[in-house]
Amino acid sequence: MSSSLGKLFRKVDTTTWPHFVKRLGGNGLVKQFLSQSELVSINYAKPSSVCLIKIDSSFLMDSDLVEKVNFYVSDKIGEAVEFKTEFFDKVESSLLMIEKDEKEKSINEAYAKISKSEVVKAFIRRFDGKVLRDSIKID
């Protein structure tokens, strides 16, 4: 196992899982599966390590999709890995939730700045408008 992702995998824990998922990449449902997963535990073993994860979408627990994820991650890290899934209504520390929380925080900060801007206030008074939080786009 010489890949940098393989070495990183050996150090992954519940707090570093989102960073690892981001480094794995992927596309389509494999990426969605990984992005919406929250690591519970990893059992490093031969011939195959086992990752127990939480998923908040029953749609993503499809056995064919889990097999694709097993193959994709195993290929990327250079060793066999198997995912075992548990369904949870709410997953809090998945990559997707962390990125969503960061975006929400950025929107709130932007809204606060925009709302305090004298230039924006002048436009709002002039055109009888208002700033809508939902209209703020952060890329």
N, C-alpha and C. Protein backbone atom coordinates (compact mmCIF):
# COMPACT_ATOMS: atom_id res chain seq x y z
N MET A 1 0.86 -1.18 0.00
CA MET A 1 0.00 0.00 0.00
C MET A 1 0.90 1.23 0.00
N SER A 2 1.06 1.83 -1.16
CA SER A 2 1.95 2.98 -1.24
C SER A 2 1.22 4.28 -1.55
N SER A 3 -0.06 4.19 -1.87
CA SER A 3 -0.78 5.41 -2.22
C SER A 3 -0.94 6.31 -1.01
N SER A 4 -0.94 7.63 -1.26
CA SER A 4 -1.12 8.57 -0.15
C SER A 4 -2.51 8.42 0.45
N LEU A 5 -3.50 8.09 -0.39
CA LEU A 5 -4.85 7.86 0.14
C LEU A 5 -4.89 6.62 1.03
N GLY A 6 -4.11 5.61 0.66
CA GLY A 6 -4.03 4.40 1.47
C GLY A 6 -3.44 4.68 2.83
N LYS A 7 -2.39 5.51 2.85
CA LYS A 7 -1.77 5.88 4.13
C LYS A 7 -2.73 6.73 4.95
N LEU A 8 -3.43 7.64 4.28
CA LEU A 8 -4.41 8.49 4.96
C LEU A 8 -5.54 7.64 5.54
N PHE A 9 -5.98 6.62 4.78
CA PHE A 9 -7.05 5.73 5.24
C PHE A 9 -6.68 5.08 6.57
N ARG A 10 -5.43 4.71 6.74
CA ARG A 10 -4.97 4.06 7.97
C ARG A 10 -5.03 4.98 9.18
N LYS A 11 -5.16 6.29 8.94
CA LYS A 11 -5.20 7.26 10.04
C LYS A 11 -6.58 7.88 10.24
N VAL A 12 -7.54 7.46 9.42
CA VAL A 12 -8.88 8.06 9.46
C VAL A 12 -9.59 7.73 10.76
N ASP A 13 -10.27 8.74 11.30
CA ASP A 13 -11.17 8.52 12.44
C ASP A 13 -12.45 9.31 12.17
N THR A 14 -13.35 9.33 13.14
CA THR A 14 -14.65 9.98 12.91
C THR A 14 -14.51 11.47 12.62
N THR A 15 -13.48 12.11 13.15
CA THR A 15 -13.32 13.56 12.92
C THR A 15 -12.65 13.86 11.58
N THR A 16 -11.81 12.96 11.09
CA THR A 16 -11.10 13.22 9.82
C THR A 16 -11.81 12.59 8.62
N TRP A 17 -12.87 11.83 8.86
CA TRP A 17 -13.61 11.18 7.77
C TRP A 17 -14.05 12.16 6.67
N PRO A 18 -14.67 13.31 7.00
CA PRO A 18 -15.09 14.23 5.93
C PRO A 18 -13.94 14.69 5.03
N HIS A 19 -12.78 14.96 5.62
CA HIS A 19 -11.60 15.36 4.85
C HIS A 19 -11.16 14.22 3.92
N PHE A 20 -11.17 12.99 4.45
CA PHE A 20 -10.80 11.82 3.66
C PHE A 20 -11.76 11.64 2.48
N VAL A 21 -13.05 11.79 2.75
CA VAL A 21 -14.07 11.65 1.70
C VAL A 21 -13.84 12.69 0.59
N LYS A 22 -13.51 13.90 0.99
CA LYS A 22 -13.25 14.96 0.01
C LYS A 22 -12.05 14.58 -0.87
N ARG A 23 -11.02 14.02 -0.27
CA ARG A 23 -9.82 13.60 -1.02
C ARG A 23 -10.12 12.42 -1.94
N LEU A 24 -11.06 11.56 -1.55
CA LEU A 24 -11.41 10.40 -2.38
C LEU A 24 -12.03 10.83 -3.71
N GLY A 25 -12.81 11.90 -3.68
CA GLY A 25 -13.46 12.35 -4.91
C GLY A 25 -14.59 11.41 -5.30
N GLY A 26 -14.59 11.05 -6.58
CA GLY A 26 -15.66 10.20 -7.10
C GLY A 26 -16.68 11.03 -7.84
N ASN A 27 -17.67 10.36 -8.39
CA ASN A 27 -18.74 11.08 -9.07
C ASN A 27 -20.04 10.30 -8.96
N GLY A 28 -21.11 10.96 -9.33
CA GLY A 28 -22.42 10.33 -9.32
C GLY A 28 -22.85 9.86 -7.94
N LEU A 29 -23.49 8.70 -7.92
CA LEU A 29 -24.02 8.16 -6.67
C LEU A 29 -22.92 7.74 -5.69
N VAL A 30 -21.76 7.34 -6.22
CA VAL A 30 -20.65 6.98 -5.34
C VAL A 30 -20.23 8.20 -4.52
N LYS A 31 -20.09 9.33 -5.20
CA LYS A 31 -19.72 10.57 -4.51
C LYS A 31 -20.81 10.98 -3.53
N GLN A 32 -22.06 10.88 -3.95
CA GLN A 32 -23.18 11.24 -3.07
C GLN A 32 -23.20 10.34 -1.84
N PHE A 33 -23.01 9.05 -2.04
CA PHE A 33 -22.98 8.10 -0.93
C PHE A 33 -21.90 8.49 0.07
N LEU A 34 -20.68 8.70 -0.42
CA LEU A 34 -19.57 9.05 0.47
C LEU A 34 -19.80 10.39 1.16
N SER A 35 -20.32 11.37 0.41
CA SER A 35 -20.54 12.71 0.96
C SER A 35 -21.61 12.72 2.04
N GLN A 36 -22.57 11.81 1.96
CA GLN A 36 -23.65 11.77 2.94
C GLN A 36 -23.40 10.75 4.05
N SER A 37 -22.21 10.17 4.06
CA SER A 37 -21.91 9.16 5.08
C SER A 37 -21.21 9.78 6.28
N GLU A 38 -21.45 9.18 7.43
CA GLU A 38 -20.77 9.56 8.67
C GLU A 38 -20.11 8.31 9.22
N LEU A 39 -18.82 8.37 9.45
CA LEU A 39 -18.09 7.21 9.94
C LEU A 39 -18.44 6.90 11.40
N VAL A 40 -18.73 5.63 11.66
CA VAL A 40 -18.94 5.16 13.03
C VAL A 40 -17.64 4.51 13.53
N SER A 41 -17.10 3.60 12.70
CA SER A 41 -15.86 2.91 13.08
C SER A 41 -15.22 2.26 11.86
N ILE A 42 -13.93 1.97 12.00
CA ILE A 42 -13.22 1.19 10.98
C ILE A 42 -12.52 0.05 11.70
N ASN A 43 -12.68 -1.15 11.17
CA ASN A 43 -11.95 -2.31 11.66
C ASN A 43 -10.92 -2.66 10.60
N TYR A 44 -9.66 -2.29 10.84
CA TYR A 44 -8.58 -2.58 9.89
C TYR A 44 -8.23 -4.05 10.01
N ALA A 45 -8.41 -4.79 8.92
CA ALA A 45 -8.15 -6.23 8.96
C ALA A 45 -7.78 -6.73 7.57
N LYS A 46 -7.21 -7.93 7.53
CA LYS A 46 -6.94 -8.60 6.27
C LYS A 46 -7.95 -9.73 6.15
N PRO A 47 -8.46 -10.06 5.01
CA PRO A 47 -8.13 -9.49 3.71
C PRO A 47 -8.84 -8.18 3.41
N SER A 48 -9.76 -7.76 4.29
CA SER A 48 -10.56 -6.57 3.98
C SER A 48 -10.89 -5.79 5.25
N SER A 49 -10.65 -4.48 5.21
CA SER A 49 -11.06 -3.62 6.32
C SER A 49 -12.56 -3.36 6.20
N VAL A 50 -13.21 -3.12 7.34
CA VAL A 50 -14.65 -2.88 7.34
C VAL A 50 -14.94 -1.50 7.93
N CYS A 51 -15.65 -0.69 7.15
CA CYS A 51 -16.07 0.64 7.60
C CYS A 51 -17.55 0.60 7.93
N LEU A 52 -17.88 0.90 9.17
CA LEU A 52 -19.28 1.01 9.58
C LEU A 52 -19.65 2.48 9.47
N ILE A 53 -20.66 2.77 8.67
CA ILE A 53 -21.05 4.16 8.45
C ILE A 53 -22.55 4.35 8.65
N LYS A 54 -22.90 5.60 8.96
CA LYS A 54 -24.31 6.01 9.05
C LYS A 54 -24.66 6.70 7.74
N ILE A 55 -25.86 6.45 7.26
CA ILE A 55 -26.38 7.09 6.05
C ILE A 55 -27.77 7.64 6.39
N ASP A 56 -28.08 8.84 5.89
CA ASP A 56 -29.40 9.43 6.18
C ASP A 56 -30.37 9.31 5.01
N SER A 57 -30.05 8.43 4.07
CA SER A 57 -30.92 8.24 2.91
C SER A 57 -31.05 6.75 2.61
N SER A 58 -32.26 6.22 2.74
CA SER A 58 -32.45 4.80 2.46
C SER A 58 -32.16 4.50 0.99
N PHE A 59 -32.35 5.50 0.12
CA PHE A 59 -32.05 5.37 -1.30
C PHE A 59 -30.57 5.01 -1.52
N LEU A 60 -29.69 5.54 -0.68
CA LEU A 60 -28.25 5.30 -0.84
C LEU A 60 -27.78 3.99 -0.20
N MET A 61 -28.69 3.25 0.41
CA MET A 61 -28.31 1.99 1.04
C MET A 61 -28.48 0.79 0.10
N ASP A 62 -28.73 1.05 -1.16
CA ASP A 62 -28.88 0.02 -2.18
C ASP A 62 -27.63 -0.85 -2.22
N SER A 63 -27.80 -2.17 -2.21
CA SER A 63 -26.65 -3.09 -2.14
C SER A 63 -25.74 -2.97 -3.36
N ASP A 64 -26.30 -2.72 -4.54
CA ASP A 64 -25.46 -2.54 -5.73
C ASP A 64 -24.59 -1.29 -5.61
N LEU A 65 -25.16 -0.23 -5.07
CA LEU A 65 -24.40 1.00 -4.88
C LEU A 65 -23.30 0.79 -3.85
N VAL A 66 -23.61 0.10 -2.76
CA VAL A 66 -22.59 -0.17 -1.73
C VAL A 66 -21.45 -0.97 -2.34
N GLU A 67 -21.75 -1.93 -3.22
CA GLU A 67 -20.71 -2.70 -3.90
C GLU A 67 -19.83 -1.79 -4.76
N LYS A 68 -20.45 -0.84 -5.47
CA LYS A 68 -19.68 0.12 -6.28
C LYS A 68 -18.77 0.96 -5.40
N VAL A 69 -19.28 1.38 -4.25
CA VAL A 69 -18.47 2.17 -3.30
C VAL A 69 -17.31 1.33 -2.78
N ASN A 70 -17.59 0.07 -2.42
CA ASN A 70 -16.52 -0.83 -1.96
C ASN A 70 -15.41 -0.91 -3.01
N PHE A 71 -15.80 -1.13 -4.26
CA PHE A 71 -14.83 -1.26 -5.34
C PHE A 71 -14.07 0.05 -5.56
N TYR A 72 -14.79 1.16 -5.60
CA TYR A 72 -14.17 2.46 -5.86
C TYR A 72 -13.14 2.81 -4.78
N VAL A 73 -13.55 2.71 -3.52
CA VAL A 73 -12.65 3.08 -2.42
C VAL A 73 -11.47 2.11 -2.35
N SER A 74 -11.73 0.82 -2.52
CA SER A 74 -10.65 -0.18 -2.51
C SER A 74 -9.63 0.14 -3.59
N ASP A 75 -10.10 0.50 -4.77
CA ASP A 75 -9.22 0.84 -5.88
C ASP A 75 -8.40 2.10 -5.57
N LYS A 76 -9.05 3.10 -4.99
CA LYS A 76 -8.38 4.37 -4.70
C LYS A 76 -7.32 4.24 -3.61
N ILE A 77 -7.56 3.41 -2.60
CA ILE A 77 -6.62 3.31 -1.49
C ILE A 77 -5.63 2.15 -1.63
N GLY A 78 -5.89 1.27 -2.58
CA GLY A 78 -4.96 0.18 -2.83
C GLY A 78 -5.08 -1.00 -1.88
N GLU A 79 -6.21 -1.13 -1.23
CA GLU A 79 -6.48 -2.30 -0.38
C GLU A 79 -7.98 -2.52 -0.29
N ALA A 80 -8.36 -3.75 0.04
CA ALA A 80 -9.78 -4.09 0.09
C ALA A 80 -10.46 -3.43 1.29
N VAL A 81 -11.62 -2.85 1.02
CA VAL A 81 -12.43 -2.26 2.08
C VAL A 81 -13.89 -2.57 1.81
N GLU A 82 -14.63 -2.81 2.87
CA GLU A 82 -16.05 -3.14 2.74
C GLU A 82 -16.84 -2.17 3.62
N PHE A 83 -17.91 -1.62 3.07
CA PHE A 83 -18.76 -0.70 3.82
C PHE A 83 -19.99 -1.43 4.34
N LYS A 84 -20.27 -1.21 5.60
CA LYS A 84 -21.50 -1.69 6.24
C LYS A 84 -22.28 -0.44 6.61
N THR A 85 -23.56 -0.41 6.25
CA THR A 85 -24.35 0.81 6.46
C THR A 85 -25.41 0.63 7.53
N GLU A 86 -25.67 1.72 8.23
CA GLU A 86 -26.79 1.81 9.17
C GLU A 86 -27.59 3.03 8.76
N PHE A 87 -28.90 2.91 8.79
CA PHE A 87 -29.76 4.05 8.44
C PHE A 87 -30.04 4.89 9.68
N PHE A 88 -29.85 6.21 9.54
CA PHE A 88 -30.17 7.16 10.61
C PHE A 88 -30.97 8.29 10.00
N ASP A 89 -31.92 8.82 10.76
CA ASP A 89 -32.72 9.95 10.27
C ASP A 89 -31.87 11.19 10.05
N LYS A 90 -30.87 11.35 10.90
CA LYS A 90 -30.04 12.55 10.79
C LYS A 90 -28.57 12.19 10.94
N VAL A 91 -27.78 12.62 9.98
CA VAL A 91 -26.34 12.43 10.00
C VAL A 91 -25.74 13.82 10.13
N GLU A 92 -24.95 14.04 11.18
CA GLU A 92 -24.49 15.40 11.47
C GLU A 92 -23.08 15.72 11.00
N SER A 93 -22.20 14.74 10.90
CA SER A 93 -20.82 15.07 10.56
C SER A 93 -20.37 14.49 9.23
N SER A 94 -21.31 14.38 8.28
CA SER A 94 -20.93 13.97 6.93
C SER A 94 -20.34 15.18 6.22
N LEU A 95 -19.58 14.94 5.17
CA LEU A 95 -19.00 16.03 4.38
C LEU A 95 -20.10 16.97 3.90
N LEU A 96 -21.20 16.40 3.44
CA LEU A 96 -22.31 17.20 2.92
C LEU A 96 -22.87 18.14 3.99
N MET A 97 -23.08 17.63 5.21
CA MET A 97 -23.62 18.46 6.28
C MET A 97 -22.64 19.54 6.72
N ILE A 98 -21.36 19.21 6.76
CA ILE A 98 -20.34 20.20 7.14
C ILE A 98 -20.29 21.32 6.12
N GLU A 99 -20.30 20.96 4.82
CA GLU A 99 -20.28 21.98 3.77
C GLU A 99 -21.56 22.81 3.78
N LYS A 100 -22.69 22.17 4.06
CA LYS A 100 -23.97 22.89 4.14
C LYS A 100 -23.95 23.88 5.30
N ASP A 101 -23.43 23.46 6.44
CA ASP A 101 -23.33 24.35 7.61
C ASP A 101 -22.41 25.54 7.33
N GLU A 102 -21.28 25.27 6.65
CA GLU A 102 -20.35 26.35 6.30
C GLU A 102 -21.00 27.35 5.36
N LYS A 103 -21.76 26.84 4.39
CA LYS A 103 -22.44 27.73 3.44
C LYS A 103 -23.50 28.57 4.15
N GLU A 104 -24.25 27.95 5.04
CA GLU A 104 -25.28 28.67 5.81
C GLU A 104 -24.65 29.78 6.65
N LYS A 105 -23.52 29.47 7.26
CA LYS A 105 -22.81 30.47 8.06
C LYS A 105 -22.35 31.63 7.17
N SER A 106 -21.82 31.32 5.99
CA SER A 106 -21.38 32.36 5.06
C SER A 106 -22.54 33.24 4.61
N ILE A 107 -23.68 32.61 4.34
CA ILE A 107 -24.88 33.37 3.93
C ILE A 107 -25.33 34.28 5.07
N ASN A 108 -25.33 33.77 6.29
CA ASN A 108 -25.72 34.60 7.44
C ASN A 108 -24.78 35.78 7.63
N GLU A 109 -23.48 35.55 7.46
CA GLU A 109 -22.50 36.64 7.58
C GLU A 109 -22.71 37.67 6.47
N ALA A 110 -22.94 37.18 5.25
CA ALA A 110 -23.17 38.10 4.12
C ALA A 110 -24.45 38.90 4.33
N TYR A 111 -25.49 38.24 4.81
CA TYR A 111 -26.77 38.92 5.08
C TYR A 111 -26.58 40.03 6.11
N ALA A 112 -25.82 39.73 7.16
CA ALA A 112 -25.58 40.73 8.21
C ALA A 112 -24.82 41.94 7.63
N LYS A 113 -23.81 41.68 6.81
CA LYS A 113 -23.03 42.77 6.20
C LYS A 113 -23.89 43.59 5.24
N ILE A 114 -24.65 42.89 4.40
CA ILE A 114 -25.49 43.58 3.41
C ILE A 114 -26.54 44.43 4.13
N SER A 115 -27.13 43.88 5.17
CA SER A 115 -28.19 44.59 5.90
C SER A 115 -27.67 45.86 6.58
N LYS A 116 -26.39 45.89 6.92
CA LYS A 116 -25.79 47.05 7.60
C LYS A 116 -25.23 48.08 6.63
N SER A 117 -25.09 47.72 5.37
CA SER A 117 -24.48 48.61 4.37
C SER A 117 -25.36 49.84 4.11
N GLU A 118 -24.78 51.01 4.24
CA GLU A 118 -25.52 52.25 3.99
C GLU A 118 -25.93 52.35 2.52
N VAL A 119 -25.08 51.89 1.62
CA VAL A 119 -25.40 51.92 0.19
C VAL A 119 -26.61 51.04 -0.09
N VAL A 120 -26.61 49.84 0.47
CA VAL A 120 -27.74 48.92 0.27
C VAL A 120 -29.00 49.51 0.89
N LYS A 121 -28.88 50.08 2.09
CA LYS A 121 -30.05 50.69 2.73
C LYS A 121 -30.63 51.80 1.87
N ALA A 122 -29.77 52.59 1.24
CA ALA A 122 -30.23 53.68 0.37
C ALA A 122 -31.00 53.11 -0.83
N PHE A 123 -30.48 52.05 -1.44
CA PHE A 123 -31.18 51.41 -2.56
C PHE A 123 -32.53 50.86 -2.12
N ILE A 124 -32.55 50.23 -0.98
CA ILE A 124 -33.80 49.64 -0.48
C ILE A 124 -34.85 50.72 -0.25
N ARG A 125 -34.44 51.84 0.37
CA ARG A 125 -35.38 52.94 0.59
C ARG A 125 -35.85 53.52 -0.74
N ARG A 126 -34.92 53.71 -1.66
CA ARG A 126 -35.22 54.33 -2.96
C ARG A 126 -36.20 53.49 -3.77
N PHE A 127 -36.02 52.19 -3.74
CA PHE A 127 -36.85 51.31 -4.57
C PHE A 127 -37.88 50.53 -3.76
N ASP A 128 -38.05 50.90 -2.49
CA ASP A 128 -39.03 50.25 -1.62
C ASP A 128 -38.86 48.73 -1.65
N GLY A 129 -37.63 48.29 -1.43
CA GLY A 129 -37.32 46.86 -1.50
C GLY A 129 -36.89 46.31 -0.16
N LYS A 130 -36.41 45.07 -0.20
CA LYS A 130 -35.83 44.47 1.00
C LYS A 130 -34.85 43.38 0.59
N VAL A 131 -33.92 43.10 1.47
CA VAL A 131 -32.94 42.05 1.22
C VAL A 131 -33.54 40.72 1.67
N LEU A 132 -33.54 39.75 0.78
CA LEU A 132 -34.05 38.42 1.10
C LEU A 132 -32.87 37.48 1.32
N ARG A 133 -32.85 36.82 2.46
CA ARG A 133 -31.76 35.89 2.77
C ARG A 133 -31.62 34.83 1.67
N ASP A 134 -32.74 34.36 1.14
CA ASP A 134 -32.71 33.32 0.10
C ASP A 134 -32.13 33.80 -1.22
N SER A 135 -32.02 35.11 -1.40
CA SER A 135 -31.48 35.63 -2.66
C SER A 135 -29.96 35.72 -2.64
N ILE A 136 -29.34 35.48 -1.49
CA ILE A 136 -27.89 35.56 -1.37
C ILE A 136 -27.29 34.25 -1.85
N LYS A 137 -26.38 34.35 -2.81
CA LYS A 137 -25.73 33.16 -3.38
C LYS A 137 -24.25 33.19 -3.03
N ILE A 138 -23.76 32.12 -2.47
CA ILE A 138 -22.35 31.97 -2.10
C ILE A 138 -21.79 30.82 -2.92
N ASP A 139 -20.72 31.07 -3.66
CA ASP A 139 -20.09 30.00 -4.44
C ASP A 139 -18.82 29.53 -3.79
